[in-house]
């Protein structure tokens, strides 16, 4: 059943994104930013953790998970080390994803040439 829940959640996020793109003048960058903020907002009230329990890995795949990880890491470190460590905690959980994106994009830029 978790596979069905995962598929439904990811499909719902994609449906929302496509509806926003089709019916507004927002760019994909705007939609991505909106989803990151929504994920962070849902994590603030511990709603996203319940979605992860319901949808499993399907809730960890969309861009909303990035906002969840940013705010989740920031809140964990702020509770342990105080308010000054808030920004340090934002990148604890997301460091591997950000690093791999930078490394892969660098190597792919060496292989492929821009169209113009």
C-alpha atoms as a PDB file:
ATOM      1  CA  UNK A   1       0.000   0.000   0.000  1.00  0.00           C
ATOM      2  CA  UNK A   2       2.927   2.329   0.632  1.00  0.00           C
ATOM      3  CA  UNK A   3       3.768   2.198  -3.090  1.00  0.00           C
ATOM      4  CA  UNK A   4       0.304   3.460  -3.950  1.00  0.00           C
ATOM      5  CA  UNK A   5       0.534   6.221  -1.334  1.00  0.00           C
ATOM      6  CA  UNK A   6       3.967   7.193  -2.644  1.00  0.00           C
ATOM      7  CA  UNK A   7       2.676   7.346  -6.212  1.00  0.00           C
ATOM      8  CA  UNK A   8      -0.365   9.381  -5.160  1.00  0.00           C
ATOM      9  CA  UNK A   9       1.685  11.938  -3.225  1.00  0.00           C
ATOM     10  CA  UNK A  10       4.269  12.436  -5.978  1.00  0.00           C
ATOM     11  CA  UNK A  11       1.508  12.608  -8.563  1.00  0.00           C
ATOM     12  CA  UNK A  12      -0.342  15.205  -6.503  1.00  0.00           C
ATOM     13  CA  UNK A  13       2.775  17.382  -6.192  1.00  0.00           C
ATOM     14  CA  UNK A  14       3.391  17.113  -9.948  1.00  0.00           C
ATOM     15  CA  UNK A  15      -0.269  17.894 -10.663  1.00  0.00           C
ATOM     16  CA  UNK A  16      -0.109  21.023  -8.515  1.00  0.00           C
ATOM     17  CA  UNK A  17       3.086  22.142 -10.198  1.00  0.00           C
ATOM     18  CA  UNK A  18       1.687  21.616 -13.686  1.00  0.00           C
ATOM     19  CA  UNK A  19      -1.559  23.405 -12.817  1.00  0.00           C
ATOM     20  CA  UNK A  20       0.396  26.385 -11.493  1.00  0.00           C
ATOM     21  CA  UNK A  21       2.557  26.490 -14.622  1.00  0.00           C
ATOM     22  CA  UNK A  22      -0.425  26.193 -16.973  1.00  0.00           C
ATOM     23  CA  UNK A  23      -2.703  28.721 -15.275  1.00  0.00           C
ATOM     24  CA  UNK A  24      -0.289  31.423 -14.122  1.00  0.00           C
ATOM     25  CA  UNK A  25       2.628  33.351 -15.554  1.00  0.00           C
ATOM     26  CA  UNK A  26       5.031  31.913 -12.976  1.00  0.00           C
ATOM     27  CA  UNK A  27       8.258  30.347 -14.202  1.00  0.00           C
ATOM     28  CA  UNK A  28       9.519  26.899 -13.140  1.00  0.00           C
ATOM     29  CA  UNK A  29      11.934  28.649 -10.783  1.00  0.00           C
ATOM     30  CA  UNK A  30       9.041  30.338  -9.022  1.00  0.00           C
ATOM     31  CA  UNK A  31       7.159  27.055  -8.687  1.00  0.00           C
ATOM     32  CA  UNK A  32      10.245  25.329  -7.303  1.00  0.00           C
ATOM     33  CA  UNK A  33      10.676  28.077  -4.728  1.00  0.00           C
ATOM     34  CA  UNK A  34       7.014  27.838  -3.746  1.00  0.00           C
ATOM     35  CA  UNK A  35       7.326  24.071  -3.199  1.00  0.00           C
ATOM     36  CA  UNK A  36      10.471  24.469  -1.070  1.00  0.00           C
ATOM     37  CA  UNK A  37       8.693  27.050   1.097  1.00  0.00           C
ATOM     38  CA  UNK A  38       5.592  24.841   1.387  1.00  0.00           C
ATOM     39  CA  UNK A  39       7.770  21.906   2.479  1.00  0.00           C
ATOM     40  CA  UNK A  40       9.478  24.061   5.105  1.00  0.00           C
ATOM     41  CA  UNK A  41       6.128  25.425   6.289  1.00  0.00           C
ATOM     42  CA  UNK A  42       4.657  21.927   6.621  1.00  0.00           C
ATOM     43  CA  UNK A  43       7.712  20.796   8.576  1.00  0.00           C
ATOM     44  CA  UNK A  44       7.349  23.727  10.958  1.00  0.00           C
ATOM     45  CA  UNK A  45       4.093  22.224  12.218  1.00  0.00           C
ATOM     46  CA  UNK A  46       5.331  18.577  11.937  1.00  0.00           C
ATOM     47  CA  UNK A  47       2.860  17.857   9.150  1.00  0.00           C
ATOM     48  CA  UNK A  48       5.515  16.784   6.658  1.00  0.00           C
ATOM     49  CA  UNK A  49       6.763  14.063   9.027  1.00  0.00           C
ATOM     50  CA  UNK A  50       3.272  12.571   9.012  1.00  0.00           C
ATOM     51  CA  UNK A  51       3.222  12.749   5.214  1.00  0.00           C
ATOM     52  CA  UNK A  52       6.545  10.864   5.137  1.00  0.00           C
ATOM     53  CA  UNK A  53       5.081   8.150   7.365  1.00  0.00           C
ATOM     54  CA  UNK A  54       2.089   7.872   5.045  1.00  0.00           C
ATOM     55  CA  UNK A  55       3.846   8.128   1.664  1.00  0.00           C
ATOM     56  CA  UNK A  56       7.263   6.732   2.516  1.00  0.00           C
ATOM     57  CA  UNK A  57       9.984   7.464  -0.014  1.00  0.00           C
ATOM     58  CA  UNK A  58       7.480   9.197  -2.263  1.00  0.00           C
ATOM     59  CA  UNK A  59       7.486  12.129   0.129  1.00  0.00           C
ATOM     60  CA  UNK A  60      11.284  12.301   0.075  1.00  0.00           C
ATOM     61  CA  UNK A  61      11.565  12.598  -3.720  1.00  0.00           C
ATOM     62  CA  UNK A  62       9.749  15.880  -4.622  1.00  0.00           C
ATOM     63  CA  UNK A  63      11.266  19.308  -4.105  1.00  0.00           C
ATOM     64  CA  UNK A  64       9.039  19.803  -1.062  1.00  0.00           C
ATOM     65  CA  UNK A  65      11.361  17.420   0.763  1.00  0.00           C
ATOM     66  CA  UNK A  66      14.251  19.871   0.315  1.00  0.00           C
ATOM     67  CA  UNK A  67      12.359  22.531   2.259  1.00  0.00           C
ATOM     68  CA  UNK A  68      11.490  19.935   4.884  1.00  0.00           C
ATOM     69  CA  UNK A  69      15.156  18.953   5.273  1.00  0.00           C
ATOM     70  CA  UNK A  70      16.331  22.571   5.470  1.00  0.00           C
ATOM     71  CA  UNK A  71      13.934  23.519   8.244  1.00  0.00           C
ATOM     72  CA  UNK A  72      14.196  20.153  10.021  1.00  0.00           C
ATOM     73  CA  UNK A  73      17.993  20.400  10.247  1.00  0.00           C
ATOM     74  CA  UNK A  74      17.852  24.024  11.331  1.00  0.00           C
ATOM     75  CA  UNK A  75      15.363  23.321  14.118  1.00  0.00           C
ATOM     76  CA  UNK A  76      17.300  20.289  15.391  1.00  0.00           C
ATOM     77  CA  UNK A  77      20.595  22.163  15.658  1.00  0.00           C
ATOM     78  CA  UNK A  78      18.906  25.272  17.113  1.00  0.00           C
ATOM     79  CA  UNK A  79      17.373  23.153  19.879  1.00  0.00           C
ATOM     80  CA  UNK A  80      20.715  21.525  20.698  1.00  0.00           C
ATOM     81  CA  UNK A  81      23.214  24.361  20.232  1.00  0.00           C
ATOM     82  CA  UNK A  82      21.140  27.518  20.424  1.00  0.00           C
ATOM     83  CA  UNK A  83      19.924  30.136  18.019  1.00  0.00           C
ATOM     84  CA  UNK A  84      23.383  31.063  16.693  1.00  0.00           C
ATOM     85  CA  UNK A  85      23.790  27.592  15.137  1.00  0.00           C
ATOM     86  CA  UNK A  86      20.501  27.870  13.240  1.00  0.00           C
ATOM     87  CA  UNK A  87      22.080  28.482   9.823  1.00  0.00           C
ATOM     88  CA  UNK A  88      24.690  25.771  10.353  1.00  0.00           C
ATOM     89  CA  UNK A  89      21.977  23.165  10.814  1.00  0.00           C
ATOM     90  CA  UNK A  90      20.201  24.056   7.587  1.00  0.00           C
ATOM     91  CA  UNK A  91      22.930  22.418   5.547  1.00  0.00           C
ATOM     92  CA  UNK A  92      23.668  19.370   7.710  1.00  0.00           C
ATOM     93  CA  UNK A  93      20.927  17.228   6.178  1.00  0.00           C
ATOM     94  CA  UNK A  94      21.157  18.669   2.661  1.00  0.00           C
ATOM     95  CA  UNK A  95      24.930  18.835   2.247  1.00  0.00           C
ATOM     96  CA  UNK A  96      25.258  15.569   0.348  1.00  0.00           C
ATOM     97  CA  UNK A  97      22.530  16.499  -2.150  1.00  0.00           C
ATOM     98  CA  UNK A  98      23.915  19.972  -2.747  1.00  0.00           C
ATOM     99  CA  UNK A  99      27.478  18.658  -3.100  1.00  0.00           C
ATOM    100  CA  UNK A 100      26.495  15.932  -5.544  1.00  0.00           C
ATOM    101  CA  UNK A 101      24.503  18.425  -7.639  1.00  0.00           C
ATOM    102  CA  UNK A 102      27.533  20.715  -7.875  1.00  0.00           C
ATOM    103  CA  UNK A 103      29.938  17.891  -8.753  1.00  0.00           C
ATOM    104  CA  UNK A 104      27.643  16.286 -11.347  1.00  0.00           C
ATOM    105  CA  UNK A 105      26.857  19.623 -12.984  1.00  0.00           C
ATOM    106  CA  UNK A 106      30.567  20.431 -13.204  1.00  0.00           C
ATOM    107  CA  UNK A 107      31.428  17.157 -14.926  1.00  0.00           C
ATOM    108  CA  UNK A 108      28.429  17.344 -17.231  1.00  0.00           C
ATOM    109  CA  UNK A 109      29.417  20.874 -18.229  1.00  0.00           C
ATOM    110  CA  UNK A 110      32.774  19.510 -19.367  1.00  0.00           C
ATOM    111  CA  UNK A 111      31.094  16.908 -21.585  1.00  0.00           C
ATOM    112  CA  UNK A 112      28.226  18.874 -23.137  1.00  0.00           C
ATOM    113  CA  UNK A 113      28.381  22.162 -25.020  1.00  0.00           C
ATOM    114  CA  UNK A 114      25.697  24.867 -24.666  1.00  0.00           C
ATOM    115  CA  UNK A 115      23.445  25.406 -27.671  1.00  0.00           C
ATOM    116  CA  UNK A 116      23.986  29.158 -27.650  1.00  0.00           C
END
